[in-house]
Amino acid sequence: MSQLRAKLTEDMKNAMRAKDMLTLNTVRYLMSSIKNWEIDNGVPTDEDVTKVIAKELKQMKDAVAEFLKGGRQDLVDEENKKIAIIEKYLPQQMSAEELEKTVKEVLAEIGDSNFGTTIKAVMAKVQGKADGGAVSAMVKKLTNG
């Protein structure tokens, strides 16, 4: 079992003991997503678990945007609490300056400003430390694409 998955399991037990329903339900939701990934793909590594968690986080952030459009501040507040819990399980996100530096390094390495090639190379370097949307925006900015 991956270390991250073991930490999720331990946090779920602690949330049960503390009767912290928000944390308990959020971690259960993540565990369910990881279990579904496991059924489809086999035993997950820490990297696989991180990808699943990042995907769920992105979906929650998208939901927050939709709730804001719909004027549902109550749901926005609840989702933001869940997002704060989930972010604890992901690597520290890169700052805009760090991301810009990484994109510039990749552009210098590959010597090609093809958008797709650059995105692929940058995503491989920043695995889990930067959102795909942020990477895309930075590559567009630096390649005038």
N, C-alpha and C. Protein backbone atom coordinates (compact mmCIF):
# COMPACT_ATOMS: atom_id res chain seq x y z
N MET A 1 0.85 -1.18 0.00
CA MET A 1 0.00 0.00 0.00
C MET A 1 0.89 1.24 0.00
N SER A 2 0.50 2.23 -0.78
CA SER A 2 1.29 3.45 -0.85
C SER A 2 1.23 4.19 0.48
N GLN A 3 2.26 4.98 0.74
CA GLN A 3 2.31 5.73 1.99
C GLN A 3 1.18 6.75 2.08
N LEU A 4 0.87 7.38 0.96
CA LEU A 4 -0.19 8.38 0.94
C LEU A 4 -1.54 7.74 1.24
N ARG A 5 -1.76 6.56 0.68
CA ARG A 5 -3.02 5.86 0.94
C ARG A 5 -3.10 5.43 2.41
N ALA A 6 -1.99 5.02 2.96
CA ALA A 6 -1.95 4.64 4.38
C ALA A 6 -2.25 5.86 5.25
N LYS A 7 -1.73 7.02 4.87
CA LYS A 7 -2.01 8.25 5.62
C LYS A 7 -3.49 8.60 5.54
N LEU A 8 -4.09 8.45 4.37
CA LEU A 8 -5.52 8.70 4.22
C LEU A 8 -6.33 7.78 5.13
N THR A 9 -5.96 6.51 5.17
CA THR A 9 -6.66 5.54 6.01
C THR A 9 -6.54 5.94 7.49
N GLU A 10 -5.34 6.31 7.90
CA GLU A 10 -5.12 6.72 9.29
C GLU A 10 -5.92 7.98 9.62
N ASP A 11 -5.92 8.95 8.70
CA ASP A 11 -6.68 10.19 8.92
C ASP A 11 -8.18 9.91 8.99
N MET A 12 -8.63 8.94 8.20
CA MET A 12 -10.05 8.57 8.23
C MET A 12 -10.41 7.99 9.62
N LYS A 13 -9.55 7.15 10.15
CA LYS A 13 -9.79 6.58 11.48
C LYS A 13 -9.79 7.66 12.54
N ASN A 14 -8.84 8.59 12.44
CA ASN A 14 -8.77 9.69 13.41
C ASN A 14 -10.00 10.58 13.33
N ALA A 15 -10.50 10.83 12.13
CA ALA A 15 -11.69 11.65 11.96
C ALA A 15 -12.91 10.95 12.56
N MET A 16 -12.96 9.61 12.42
CA MET A 16 -14.05 8.85 13.03
C MET A 16 -14.02 8.99 14.55
N ARG A 17 -12.82 8.84 15.12
CA ARG A 17 -12.68 8.94 16.57
C ARG A 17 -13.07 10.34 17.06
N ALA A 18 -12.69 11.36 16.30
CA ALA A 18 -12.95 12.74 16.69
C ALA A 18 -14.36 13.20 16.31
N LYS A 19 -15.08 12.33 15.60
CA LYS A 19 -16.42 12.66 15.11
C LYS A 19 -16.42 13.92 14.24
N ASP A 20 -15.34 14.06 13.45
CA ASP A 20 -15.19 15.17 12.50
C ASP A 20 -15.79 14.70 11.17
N MET A 21 -17.08 14.95 11.01
CA MET A 21 -17.80 14.40 9.86
C MET A 21 -17.34 14.96 8.52
N LEU A 22 -16.97 16.23 8.48
CA LEU A 22 -16.52 16.83 7.22
C LEU A 22 -15.24 16.15 6.73
N THR A 23 -14.26 16.02 7.62
CA THR A 23 -13.01 15.36 7.25
C THR A 23 -13.26 13.90 6.92
N LEU A 24 -14.05 13.23 7.73
CA LEU A 24 -14.36 11.83 7.51
C LEU A 24 -14.98 11.61 6.13
N ASN A 25 -16.00 12.38 5.81
CA ASN A 25 -16.68 12.22 4.52
C ASN A 25 -15.77 12.59 3.35
N THR A 26 -14.94 13.61 3.52
CA THR A 26 -14.03 14.01 2.45
C THR A 26 -12.98 12.94 2.20
N VAL A 27 -12.41 12.38 3.26
CA VAL A 27 -11.39 11.34 3.10
C VAL A 27 -12.03 10.06 2.55
N ARG A 28 -13.23 9.75 3.00
CA ARG A 28 -13.93 8.58 2.44
C ARG A 28 -14.15 8.75 0.94
N TYR A 29 -14.51 9.95 0.54
CA TYR A 29 -14.72 10.26 -0.88
C TYR A 29 -13.43 10.01 -1.66
N LEU A 30 -12.29 10.47 -1.11
CA LEU A 30 -11.01 10.23 -1.78
C LEU A 30 -10.68 8.75 -1.83
N MET A 31 -10.91 8.05 -0.73
CA MET A 31 -10.63 6.61 -0.68
C MET A 31 -11.47 5.85 -1.70
N SER A 32 -12.71 6.28 -1.87
CA SER A 32 -13.58 5.66 -2.86
C SER A 32 -13.03 5.86 -4.27
N SER A 33 -12.57 7.06 -4.57
CA SER A 33 -12.00 7.35 -5.88
C SER A 33 -10.74 6.53 -6.12
N ILE A 34 -9.93 6.39 -5.07
CA ILE A 34 -8.70 5.60 -5.19
C ILE A 34 -9.05 4.13 -5.40
N LYS A 35 -10.05 3.65 -4.70
CA LYS A 35 -10.49 2.25 -4.85
C LYS A 35 -10.98 2.01 -6.28
N ASN A 36 -11.74 2.95 -6.83
CA ASN A 36 -12.20 2.82 -8.21
C ASN A 36 -11.02 2.78 -9.17
N TRP A 37 -10.01 3.60 -8.93
CA TRP A 37 -8.82 3.60 -9.78
C TRP A 37 -8.13 2.25 -9.66
N GLU A 38 -8.06 1.74 -8.44
CA GLU A 38 -7.40 0.46 -8.18
C GLU A 38 -8.11 -0.69 -8.90
N ILE A 39 -9.43 -0.66 -8.93
CA ILE A 39 -10.20 -1.70 -9.62
C ILE A 39 -9.86 -1.71 -11.11
N ASP A 40 -9.71 -0.53 -11.67
CA ASP A 40 -9.41 -0.42 -13.10
C ASP A 40 -7.96 -0.67 -13.44
N ASN A 41 -7.02 -0.30 -12.54
CA ASN A 41 -5.61 -0.27 -12.90
C ASN A 41 -4.66 -1.09 -12.04
N GLY A 42 -5.12 -1.66 -10.95
CA GLY A 42 -4.24 -2.42 -10.08
C GLY A 42 -3.78 -1.59 -8.88
N VAL A 43 -2.78 -2.09 -8.19
CA VAL A 43 -2.30 -1.44 -6.96
C VAL A 43 -1.67 -0.09 -7.29
N PRO A 44 -2.16 0.98 -6.66
CA PRO A 44 -1.64 2.31 -6.98
C PRO A 44 -0.35 2.65 -6.23
N THR A 45 0.50 3.42 -6.88
CA THR A 45 1.69 3.96 -6.22
C THR A 45 1.30 5.31 -5.61
N ASP A 46 2.23 5.92 -4.88
CA ASP A 46 1.96 7.25 -4.34
C ASP A 46 1.66 8.24 -5.46
N GLU A 47 2.37 8.10 -6.57
CA GLU A 47 2.16 9.00 -7.71
C GLU A 47 0.74 8.83 -8.27
N ASP A 48 0.28 7.59 -8.36
CA ASP A 48 -1.08 7.33 -8.85
C ASP A 48 -2.11 7.92 -7.91
N VAL A 49 -1.90 7.75 -6.61
CA VAL A 49 -2.83 8.28 -5.61
C VAL A 49 -2.87 9.80 -5.70
N THR A 50 -1.71 10.42 -5.88
CA THR A 50 -1.63 11.88 -6.02
C THR A 50 -2.41 12.34 -7.24
N LYS A 51 -2.30 11.61 -8.34
CA LYS A 51 -3.04 11.98 -9.56
C LYS A 51 -4.55 11.90 -9.34
N VAL A 52 -4.99 10.85 -8.64
CA VAL A 52 -6.42 10.70 -8.35
C VAL A 52 -6.91 11.85 -7.48
N ILE A 53 -6.14 12.18 -6.45
CA ILE A 53 -6.52 13.26 -5.55
C ILE A 53 -6.55 14.59 -6.29
N ALA A 54 -5.56 14.83 -7.15
CA ALA A 54 -5.52 16.07 -7.93
C ALA A 54 -6.73 16.18 -8.84
N LYS A 55 -7.13 15.06 -9.43
CA LYS A 55 -8.30 15.05 -10.31
C LYS A 55 -9.57 15.41 -9.53
N GLU A 56 -9.71 14.83 -8.35
CA GLU A 56 -10.87 15.13 -7.52
C GLU A 56 -10.87 16.59 -7.08
N LEU A 57 -9.69 17.11 -6.77
CA LEU A 57 -9.58 18.51 -6.37
C LEU A 57 -10.00 19.43 -7.51
N LYS A 58 -9.57 19.11 -8.71
CA LYS A 58 -9.95 19.92 -9.87
C LYS A 58 -11.47 19.91 -10.06
N GLN A 59 -12.08 18.74 -9.91
CA GLN A 59 -13.53 18.66 -10.05
C GLN A 59 -14.24 19.50 -8.99
N MET A 60 -13.70 19.50 -7.77
CA MET A 60 -14.31 20.31 -6.71
C MET A 60 -14.17 21.80 -7.02
N LYS A 61 -13.01 22.19 -7.53
CA LYS A 61 -12.81 23.61 -7.87
C LYS A 61 -13.75 24.02 -9.01
N ASP A 62 -13.96 23.13 -9.96
CA ASP A 62 -14.91 23.41 -11.05
C ASP A 62 -16.32 23.55 -10.49
N ALA A 63 -16.66 22.71 -9.52
CA ALA A 63 -17.98 22.78 -8.89
C ALA A 63 -18.16 24.10 -8.16
N VAL A 64 -17.11 24.57 -7.50
CA VAL A 64 -17.17 25.85 -6.80
C VAL A 64 -17.50 26.97 -7.78
N ALA A 65 -16.85 26.94 -8.94
CA ALA A 65 -17.11 27.97 -9.96
C ALA A 65 -18.57 27.93 -10.39
N GLU A 66 -19.12 26.74 -10.56
CA GLU A 66 -20.52 26.61 -10.96
C GLU A 66 -21.47 27.07 -9.84
N PHE A 67 -21.12 26.75 -8.61
CA PHE A 67 -21.96 27.18 -7.48
C PHE A 67 -21.95 28.70 -7.36
N LEU A 68 -20.80 29.32 -7.65
CA LEU A 68 -20.72 30.78 -7.61
C LEU A 68 -21.64 31.40 -8.67
N LYS A 69 -21.61 30.79 -9.86
CA LYS A 69 -22.48 31.28 -10.94
C LYS A 69 -23.95 31.17 -10.55
N GLY A 70 -24.26 30.11 -9.81
CA GLY A 70 -25.63 29.87 -9.40
C GLY A 70 -26.03 30.61 -8.13
N GLY A 71 -25.09 31.35 -7.56
CA GLY A 71 -25.40 32.12 -6.36
C GLY A 71 -25.60 31.26 -5.12
N ARG A 72 -24.95 30.12 -5.05
CA ARG A 72 -25.11 29.21 -3.91
C ARG A 72 -23.89 29.31 -2.98
N GLN A 73 -23.82 30.37 -2.22
CA GLN A 73 -22.68 30.61 -1.34
C GLN A 73 -22.54 29.51 -0.28
N ASP A 74 -23.66 28.92 0.16
CA ASP A 74 -23.59 27.85 1.15
C ASP A 74 -22.80 26.66 0.61
N LEU A 75 -23.05 26.31 -0.64
CA LEU A 75 -22.33 25.18 -1.25
C LEU A 75 -20.87 25.55 -1.53
N VAL A 76 -20.63 26.81 -1.89
CA VAL A 76 -19.26 27.27 -2.14
C VAL A 76 -18.45 27.13 -0.85
N ASP A 77 -19.01 27.56 0.27
CA ASP A 77 -18.31 27.49 1.55
C ASP A 77 -17.98 26.04 1.93
N GLU A 78 -18.96 25.15 1.74
CA GLU A 78 -18.75 23.74 2.07
C GLU A 78 -17.67 23.12 1.18
N GLU A 79 -17.72 23.39 -0.12
CA GLU A 79 -16.72 22.83 -1.04
C GLU A 79 -15.33 23.38 -0.73
N ASN A 80 -15.25 24.66 -0.36
CA ASN A 80 -13.95 25.24 -0.03
C ASN A 80 -13.35 24.59 1.21
N LYS A 81 -14.17 24.20 2.16
CA LYS A 81 -13.68 23.47 3.34
C LYS A 81 -13.12 22.12 2.93
N LYS A 82 -13.84 21.43 2.03
CA LYS A 82 -13.37 20.13 1.54
C LYS A 82 -12.06 20.29 0.77
N ILE A 83 -11.98 21.34 -0.04
CA ILE A 83 -10.77 21.60 -0.83
C ILE A 83 -9.57 21.80 0.10
N ALA A 84 -9.77 22.52 1.20
CA ALA A 84 -8.68 22.74 2.17
C ALA A 84 -8.20 21.41 2.75
N ILE A 85 -9.12 20.50 3.01
CA ILE A 85 -8.75 19.18 3.54
C ILE A 85 -7.97 18.40 2.49
N ILE A 86 -8.45 18.40 1.26
CA ILE A 86 -7.81 17.62 0.19
C ILE A 86 -6.42 18.15 -0.14
N GLU A 87 -6.25 19.46 -0.11
CA GLU A 87 -4.95 20.05 -0.47
C GLU A 87 -3.83 19.60 0.46
N LYS A 88 -4.16 19.15 1.66
CA LYS A 88 -3.14 18.67 2.60
C LYS A 88 -2.45 17.41 2.07
N TYR A 89 -3.10 16.69 1.18
CA TYR A 89 -2.55 15.43 0.68
C TYR A 89 -1.77 15.58 -0.62
N LEU A 90 -1.73 16.79 -1.15
CA LEU A 90 -1.02 17.03 -2.40
C LEU A 90 0.30 17.75 -2.14
N PRO A 91 1.27 17.61 -3.05
CA PRO A 91 2.53 18.34 -2.87
C PRO A 91 2.28 19.84 -2.90
N GLN A 92 3.19 20.58 -2.30
CA GLN A 92 3.10 22.04 -2.31
C GLN A 92 3.09 22.52 -3.76
N GLN A 93 2.14 23.39 -4.09
CA GLN A 93 2.02 23.90 -5.46
C GLN A 93 3.10 24.94 -5.74
N MET A 94 3.55 24.97 -6.99
CA MET A 94 4.59 25.92 -7.40
C MET A 94 4.01 27.33 -7.46
N SER A 95 4.86 28.30 -7.16
CA SER A 95 4.45 29.69 -7.32
C SER A 95 4.51 30.03 -8.81
N ALA A 96 3.92 31.15 -9.18
CA ALA A 96 3.94 31.58 -10.58
C ALA A 96 5.38 31.79 -11.05
N GLU A 97 6.23 32.32 -10.17
CA GLU A 97 7.63 32.57 -10.54
C GLU A 97 8.36 31.25 -10.79
N GLU A 98 8.14 30.26 -9.91
CA GLU A 98 8.78 28.95 -10.09
C GLU A 98 8.31 28.29 -11.38
N LEU A 99 7.01 28.41 -11.65
CA LEU A 99 6.46 27.82 -12.86
C LEU A 99 7.04 28.49 -14.10
N GLU A 100 7.13 29.81 -14.06
CA GLU A 100 7.69 30.54 -15.21
C GLU A 100 9.13 30.11 -15.45
N LYS A 101 9.91 29.97 -14.38
CA LYS A 101 11.31 29.54 -14.50
C LYS A 101 11.37 28.14 -15.12
N THR A 102 10.51 27.23 -14.67
CA THR A 102 10.50 25.86 -15.20
C THR A 102 10.13 25.85 -16.67
N VAL A 103 9.13 26.64 -17.06
CA VAL A 103 8.72 26.70 -18.48
C VAL A 103 9.86 27.25 -19.32
N LYS A 104 10.54 28.27 -18.85
CA LYS A 104 11.69 28.84 -19.59
C LYS A 104 12.79 27.81 -19.75
N GLU A 105 13.05 27.03 -18.68
CA GLU A 105 14.07 25.98 -18.76
C GLU A 105 13.70 24.94 -19.81
N VAL A 106 12.43 24.54 -19.80
CA VAL A 106 11.97 23.53 -20.77
C VAL A 106 12.08 24.07 -22.19
N LEU A 107 11.69 25.32 -22.40
CA LEU A 107 11.80 25.93 -23.73
C LEU A 107 13.25 25.96 -24.20
N ALA A 108 14.18 26.26 -23.27
CA ALA A 108 15.60 26.28 -23.62
C ALA A 108 16.10 24.87 -23.95
N GLU A 109 15.61 23.87 -23.19
CA GLU A 109 16.04 22.48 -23.40
C GLU A 109 15.57 21.94 -24.75
N ILE A 110 14.28 22.13 -25.05
CA ILE A 110 13.73 21.52 -26.26
C ILE A 110 13.96 22.38 -27.49
N GLY A 111 14.24 23.66 -27.30
CA GLY A 111 14.55 24.53 -28.43
C GLY A 111 13.42 24.65 -29.43
N ASP A 112 12.23 24.32 -29.01
CA ASP A 112 11.07 24.35 -29.90
C ASP A 112 9.92 24.98 -29.12
N SER A 113 9.20 25.88 -29.73
CA SER A 113 8.11 26.52 -28.99
C SER A 113 6.76 25.95 -29.40
N ASN A 114 6.75 24.69 -29.90
CA ASN A 114 5.48 24.03 -30.21
C ASN A 114 4.70 23.87 -28.92
N PHE A 115 3.47 24.36 -28.93
CA PHE A 115 2.65 24.40 -27.72
C PHE A 115 2.48 23.02 -27.09
N GLY A 116 2.06 22.04 -27.87
CA GLY A 116 1.79 20.70 -27.35
C GLY A 116 3.03 20.04 -26.78
N THR A 117 4.14 20.14 -27.49
CA THR A 117 5.40 19.56 -27.03
C THR A 117 5.86 20.21 -25.73
N THR A 118 5.73 21.52 -25.68
CA THR A 118 6.15 22.26 -24.49
C THR A 118 5.30 21.88 -23.29
N ILE A 119 3.98 21.84 -23.47
CA ILE A 119 3.07 21.47 -22.37
C ILE A 119 3.44 20.10 -21.83
N LYS A 120 3.63 19.15 -22.73
CA LYS A 120 3.94 17.78 -22.32
C LYS A 120 5.24 17.73 -21.50
N ALA A 121 6.26 18.44 -21.95
CA ALA A 121 7.54 18.44 -21.27
C ALA A 121 7.44 19.12 -19.90
N VAL A 122 6.71 20.24 -19.84
CA VAL A 122 6.56 20.95 -18.56
C VAL A 122 5.76 20.11 -17.58
N MET A 123 4.67 19.50 -18.02
CA MET A 123 3.84 18.68 -17.13
C MET A 123 4.65 17.51 -16.56
N ALA A 124 5.55 16.95 -17.36
CA ALA A 124 6.39 15.85 -16.87
C ALA A 124 7.31 16.34 -15.75
N LYS A 125 7.78 17.59 -15.86
CA LYS A 125 8.69 18.14 -14.85
C LYS A 125 7.97 18.55 -13.56
N VAL A 126 6.75 19.06 -13.69
CA VAL A 126 6.08 19.63 -12.51
C VAL A 126 5.09 18.68 -11.85
N GLN A 127 5.00 17.46 -12.34
CA GLN A 127 4.06 16.44 -11.84
C GLN A 127 3.44 16.74 -10.49
N GLY A 128 2.17 17.13 -10.51
CA GLY A 128 1.43 17.34 -9.28
C GLY A 128 1.71 18.64 -8.56
N LYS A 129 2.72 19.38 -8.98
CA LYS A 129 3.08 20.61 -8.29
C LYS A 129 2.47 21.84 -8.95
N ALA A 130 1.83 21.64 -10.11
CA ALA A 130 1.19 22.77 -10.79
C ALA A 130 -0.03 22.26 -11.53
N ASP A 131 -1.05 23.05 -11.53
CA ASP A 131 -2.29 22.74 -12.22
C ASP A 131 -2.08 22.85 -13.73
N GLY A 132 -2.72 21.97 -14.48
CA GLY A 132 -2.59 21.99 -15.94
C GLY A 132 -3.01 23.32 -16.55
N GLY A 133 -4.03 23.94 -15.98
CA GLY A 133 -4.49 25.24 -16.48
C GLY A 133 -3.44 26.32 -16.30
N ALA A 134 -2.76 26.30 -15.15
CA ALA A 134 -1.70 27.28 -14.88
C ALA A 134 -0.52 27.06 -15.82
N VAL A 135 -0.18 25.78 -16.07
CA VAL A 135 0.91 25.46 -16.98
C VAL A 135 0.56 25.96 -18.39
N SER A 136 -0.65 25.67 -18.82
CA SER A 136 -1.10 26.09 -20.15
C SER A 136 -1.03 27.61 -20.30
N ALA A 137 -1.52 28.32 -19.30
CA ALA A 137 -1.50 29.79 -19.35
C ALA A 137 -0.08 30.32 -19.42
N MET A 138 0.83 29.73 -18.64
CA MET A 138 2.22 30.20 -18.63
C MET A 138 2.90 29.90 -19.95
N VAL A 139 2.65 28.72 -20.53
CA VAL A 139 3.26 28.39 -21.82
C VAL A 139 2.75 29.35 -22.89
N LYS A 140 1.45 29.63 -22.88
CA LYS A 140 0.89 30.60 -23.85
C LYS A 140 1.56 31.94 -23.70
N LYS A 141 1.73 32.37 -22.46
CA LYS A 141 2.32 33.68 -22.17
C LYS A 141 3.76 33.75 -22.72
N LEU A 142 4.52 32.69 -22.49
CA LEU A 142 5.94 32.70 -22.85
C LEU A 142 6.22 32.35 -24.31
N THR A 143 5.25 31.71 -24.98
CA THR A 143 5.48 31.36 -26.39
C THR A 143 4.65 32.23 -27.31
N ASN A 144 3.93 33.17 -26.73
CA ASN A 144 3.03 34.04 -27.50
C ASN A 144 2.03 33.22 -28.31
N GLY A 145 1.66 32.06 -27.75
CA GLY A 145 0.74 31.16 -28.45
C GLY A 145 -0.61 31.46 -28.04
